[in-house]
Amino acid sequence: MSKVPPNPVDKPLPMVETAFLASATALIWYINTYFPLGPLLRIFFPIPTALIYLRWGNRSAWMSAWVTTLLITVLMGPPRSIQFLMPYGVVGVMLGGLWKRQVSWAISMGWSILIMAIGFFFQLNLLSLLVGTNLWIYINRQITGFLDWVVIKLGLLLQPDVIVIQLFAVGLILLNAFLYILLVHLVAWLVFDRIGVSIPDPPLWLQTFLEYQDE
């Protein structure tokens, strides 16, 4: 029995899709930088890379992340491209791999939140180096002012401790990462289903909530 020769049209398809989605991601990053629309465009930063992984595997996903990084470098310079690669490029590759293995949302969200938190501190240190100021101290001062305001409003005679301020700051970072990753999962689940790419379903409580909202 003779083997069916591979379709020559299929050979360049992974490269074409990778280049197209990498360009689209770089364009989304560029638009969001100069015309920020809140979290709307940020949700799509890791999704194209994850889609490439689901369709063409690990190598193509990393290629997409690096091509996007190079395009952003050309358009906006190395600092901006590094901010994309860590964490969004890494999160995109990781989500693609976890979704392809059909792991639960609890695991994929847990790892993504961890990478997002590490990426936040990475970007914070990078920006602090570029501007010559420790931005973590600035963030702590803002949180201290907020906590002082809360204490005054509650009529309490308390002075927020340094440990409390640090923990509150880390808690806010993790909460922000959780909400962001949850939105990324929801958008990917809705979009990928319409283009014939499957990822794990949301947990039962979330599906029940979404069905309740649709009624």
Protein backbone atom coordinates (compact mmCIF):
# COMPACT_ATOMS: atom_id res chain seq x y z
CA MET A 1 0.00 0.00 0.00
CA SER A 2 1.57 3.28 -1.12
CA LYS A 3 1.79 6.16 1.26
CA VAL A 4 -0.11 9.32 0.46
CA PRO A 5 2.40 12.11 -0.20
CA PRO A 6 2.03 15.13 2.09
CA ASN A 7 0.13 18.04 0.66
CA PRO A 8 2.73 20.68 -0.31
CA VAL A 9 0.24 23.39 0.63
CA ASP A 10 0.30 22.24 4.27
CA LYS A 11 4.06 22.67 4.70
CA PRO A 12 4.22 26.49 4.85
CA LEU A 13 0.92 26.78 6.74
CA PRO A 14 2.44 26.71 10.26
CA MET A 15 4.97 29.38 9.25
CA VAL A 16 2.30 31.58 7.67
CA GLU A 17 -0.05 31.34 10.65
CA THR A 18 2.80 31.92 13.07
CA ALA A 19 3.94 35.02 11.21
CA PHE A 20 0.40 36.35 10.89
CA LEU A 21 -0.54 35.88 14.54
CA ALA A 22 2.83 37.23 15.72
CA SER A 23 2.27 40.35 13.61
CA ALA A 24 -1.27 40.68 14.94
CA THR A 25 -0.02 40.42 18.53
CA ALA A 26 2.65 43.06 17.94
CA LEU A 27 0.02 45.34 16.38
CA ILE A 28 -2.31 44.85 19.37
CA TRP A 29 0.56 45.70 21.72
CA TYR A 30 1.43 48.78 19.67
CA ILE A 31 -2.16 50.06 19.59
CA ASN A 32 -2.66 49.41 23.30
CA THR A 33 0.50 51.37 24.13
CA TYR A 34 -0.58 54.55 22.37
CA PHE A 35 -4.36 54.14 22.56
CA PRO A 36 -4.97 52.17 25.76
CA LEU A 37 -8.45 50.70 26.06
CA GLY A 38 -8.11 49.36 29.59
CA PRO A 39 -8.06 45.55 29.81
CA LEU A 40 -9.82 45.07 26.45
CA LEU A 41 -6.73 44.64 24.28
CA ARG A 42 -4.48 43.33 27.06
CA ILE A 43 -6.61 40.20 27.22
CA PHE A 44 -5.38 39.23 23.76
CA PHE A 45 -1.65 39.54 24.47
CA PRO A 46 -1.09 35.81 25.26
CA ILE A 47 -4.01 34.33 23.30
CA PRO A 48 -2.48 34.22 19.76
CA THR A 49 0.64 32.49 21.06
CA ALA A 50 -1.50 29.93 22.89
CA LEU A 51 -3.50 29.35 19.70
CA ILE A 52 -0.30 28.67 17.76
CA TYR A 53 0.69 26.07 20.35
CA LEU A 54 -2.69 24.35 20.10
CA ARG A 55 -2.48 24.20 16.31
CA TRP A 56 1.21 23.65 15.61
CA GLY A 57 2.99 22.76 18.82
CA ASN A 58 5.71 24.02 21.14
CA ARG A 59 8.30 25.07 18.56
CA SER A 60 5.88 27.23 16.58
CA ALA A 61 4.55 28.82 19.78
CA TRP A 62 8.02 29.89 20.91
CA MET A 63 8.74 31.11 17.40
CA SER A 64 5.57 33.22 17.55
CA ALA A 65 6.57 34.69 20.92
CA TRP A 66 10.09 35.55 19.71
CA VAL A 67 8.89 36.99 16.38
CA THR A 68 6.41 39.19 18.26
CA THR A 69 9.22 40.30 20.56
CA LEU A 70 11.45 41.17 17.60
CA LEU A 71 8.64 43.12 15.89
CA ILE A 72 7.97 45.12 19.05
CA THR A 73 11.71 45.77 19.34
CA VAL A 74 11.72 47.26 15.84
CA LEU A 75 8.57 49.31 16.45
CA MET A 76 9.13 50.48 20.02
CA GLY A 77 12.53 49.43 21.29
CA PRO A 78 13.94 46.63 23.48
CA PRO A 79 12.38 47.70 26.83
CA ARG A 80 8.85 47.38 25.44
CA SER A 81 9.59 44.05 23.75
CA ILE A 82 11.04 42.62 26.96
CA GLN A 83 7.87 43.68 28.78
CA PHE A 84 5.85 41.66 26.26
CA LEU A 85 7.99 38.54 26.42
CA MET A 86 7.89 38.49 30.20
CA PRO A 87 5.20 37.70 31.14
CA TYR A 88 2.76 37.65 28.19
CA GLY A 89 4.83 35.65 25.70
CA VAL A 90 5.78 33.08 28.34
CA VAL A 91 2.19 32.87 29.60
CA GLY A 92 0.93 32.32 26.04
CA VAL A 93 3.29 29.39 25.46
CA MET A 94 2.54 27.89 28.85
CA LEU A 95 -1.23 28.19 28.44
CA GLY A 96 -1.05 26.60 25.01
CA GLY A 97 0.86 23.64 26.43
CA LEU A 98 -1.46 23.20 29.39
CA TRP A 99 -4.61 23.56 27.30
CA LYS A 100 -3.28 21.05 24.76
CA ARG A 101 -2.86 18.57 27.61
CA GLN A 102 -6.44 19.36 28.73
CA VAL A 103 -5.46 20.23 32.29
CA SER A 104 -8.03 21.85 34.56
CA TRP A 105 -8.51 25.59 34.85
CA ALA A 106 -7.31 25.48 38.45
CA ILE A 107 -3.86 24.29 37.34
CA SER A 108 -3.53 26.50 34.25
CA MET A 109 -4.72 29.57 36.14
CA GLY A 110 -2.47 28.82 39.10
CA TRP A 111 0.67 28.63 36.97
CA SER A 112 -0.36 31.65 34.90
CA ILE A 113 -0.99 33.77 38.01
CA LEU A 114 2.46 32.82 39.29
CA ILE A 115 4.12 33.81 35.99
CA MET A 116 2.14 37.06 35.88
CA ALA A 117 3.25 37.94 39.42
CA ILE A 118 6.89 37.16 38.60
CA GLY A 119 6.51 39.19 35.40
CA PHE A 120 5.16 42.15 37.35
CA PHE A 121 8.22 42.26 39.60
CA PHE A 122 10.47 41.71 36.59
CA GLN A 123 8.92 44.68 34.80
CA LEU A 124 9.01 46.75 37.98
CA ASN A 125 12.74 46.15 38.37
CA LEU A 126 13.32 46.88 34.70
CA LEU A 127 11.43 50.18 34.86
CA SER A 128 13.16 51.08 38.13
CA LEU A 129 16.50 50.53 36.42
CA LEU A 130 15.50 52.65 33.43
CA VAL A 131 14.15 55.60 35.42
CA GLY A 132 16.72 55.36 38.20
CA THR A 133 14.11 55.16 40.97
CA ASN A 134 12.91 52.29 43.11
CA LEU A 135 9.28 52.09 42.01
CA TRP A 136 8.46 49.47 44.64
CA ILE A 137 9.02 52.13 47.30
CA TYR A 138 6.68 54.45 45.39
CA ILE A 139 4.00 51.74 45.27
CA ASN A 140 4.37 51.12 49.00
CA ARG A 141 3.95 54.82 49.70
CA GLN A 142 0.74 54.90 47.69
CA ILE A 143 -0.61 51.87 49.54
CA THR A 144 0.42 53.38 52.87
CA GLY A 145 -1.56 56.52 52.04
CA PHE A 146 -4.57 54.41 51.08
CA LEU A 147 -4.42 52.33 54.27
CA ASP A 148 -4.02 55.48 56.39
CA TRP A 149 -7.14 56.89 54.73
CA VAL A 150 -9.07 53.67 55.45
CA VAL A 151 -7.95 53.67 59.09
CA ILE A 152 -9.01 57.31 59.51
CA LYS A 153 -12.40 56.66 57.92
CA LEU A 154 -12.97 53.72 60.25
CA GLY A 155 -11.96 55.80 63.25
CA LEU A 156 -9.20 53.42 64.30
CA LEU A 157 -6.07 54.46 66.15
CA LEU A 158 -3.74 52.24 64.18
CA GLN A 159 -0.58 52.69 62.17
CA PRO A 160 -0.18 50.21 59.28
CA ASP A 161 2.91 48.09 59.81
CA VAL A 162 5.50 47.64 57.06
CA ILE A 163 4.73 43.91 56.86
CA VAL A 164 1.01 44.65 56.45
CA ILE A 165 1.75 47.13 53.67
CA GLN A 166 3.99 44.63 51.86
CA LEU A 167 1.42 41.85 52.16
CA PHE A 168 -1.35 44.17 50.98
CA ALA A 169 0.72 45.12 47.93
CA VAL A 170 1.45 41.49 47.05
CA GLY A 171 -2.22 40.65 47.57
CA LEU A 172 -3.27 43.34 45.12
CA ILE A 173 -0.76 42.06 42.56
CA LEU A 174 -2.07 38.50 42.89
CA LEU A 175 -5.70 39.68 42.73
CA ASN A 176 -5.00 41.66 39.58
CA ALA A 177 -3.24 38.65 38.04
CA PHE A 178 -6.16 36.37 38.99
CA LEU A 179 -8.78 38.62 37.37
CA TYR A 180 -6.66 39.05 34.24
CA ILE A 181 -5.97 35.34 33.79
CA LEU A 182 -9.63 34.51 34.42
CA LEU A 183 -10.65 36.89 31.62
CA VAL A 184 -8.00 35.38 29.32
CA HIS A 185 -9.37 31.89 29.97
CA LEU A 186 -12.97 32.98 29.37
CA VAL A 187 -12.20 34.84 26.14
CA ALA A 188 -10.04 31.99 24.82
CA TRP A 189 -12.73 29.44 25.69
CA LEU A 190 -15.40 31.44 23.84
CA VAL A 191 -13.27 32.35 20.82
CA PHE A 192 -11.47 29.04 20.29
CA ASP A 193 -14.74 27.10 20.42
CA ARG A 194 -16.00 29.09 17.44
CA ILE A 195 -12.92 28.32 15.33
CA GLY A 196 -12.91 24.61 16.11
CA VAL A 197 -10.08 24.56 18.67
CA SER A 198 -10.95 22.96 21.99
CA ILE A 199 -9.61 23.86 25.42
CA PRO A 200 -10.79 22.51 28.80
CA ASP A 201 -14.21 23.64 29.93
CA PRO A 202 -14.57 26.03 32.87
CA PRO A 203 -15.22 24.60 36.32
CA LEU A 204 -18.81 23.64 37.01
CA TRP A 205 -19.52 26.61 39.29
CA LEU A 206 -18.38 29.02 36.59
CA GLN A 207 -20.43 27.30 33.90
CA THR A 208 -23.48 27.50 36.17
CA PHE A 209 -22.84 31.20 36.74
CA LEU A 210 -22.46 31.88 33.00
CA GLU A 211 -25.65 29.96 32.19
CA TYR A 212 -27.47 31.91 34.90
CA GLN A 213 -26.31 35.20 33.39
CA ASP A 214 -27.52 34.15 29.93
CA GLU A 215 -31.05 33.45 31.16
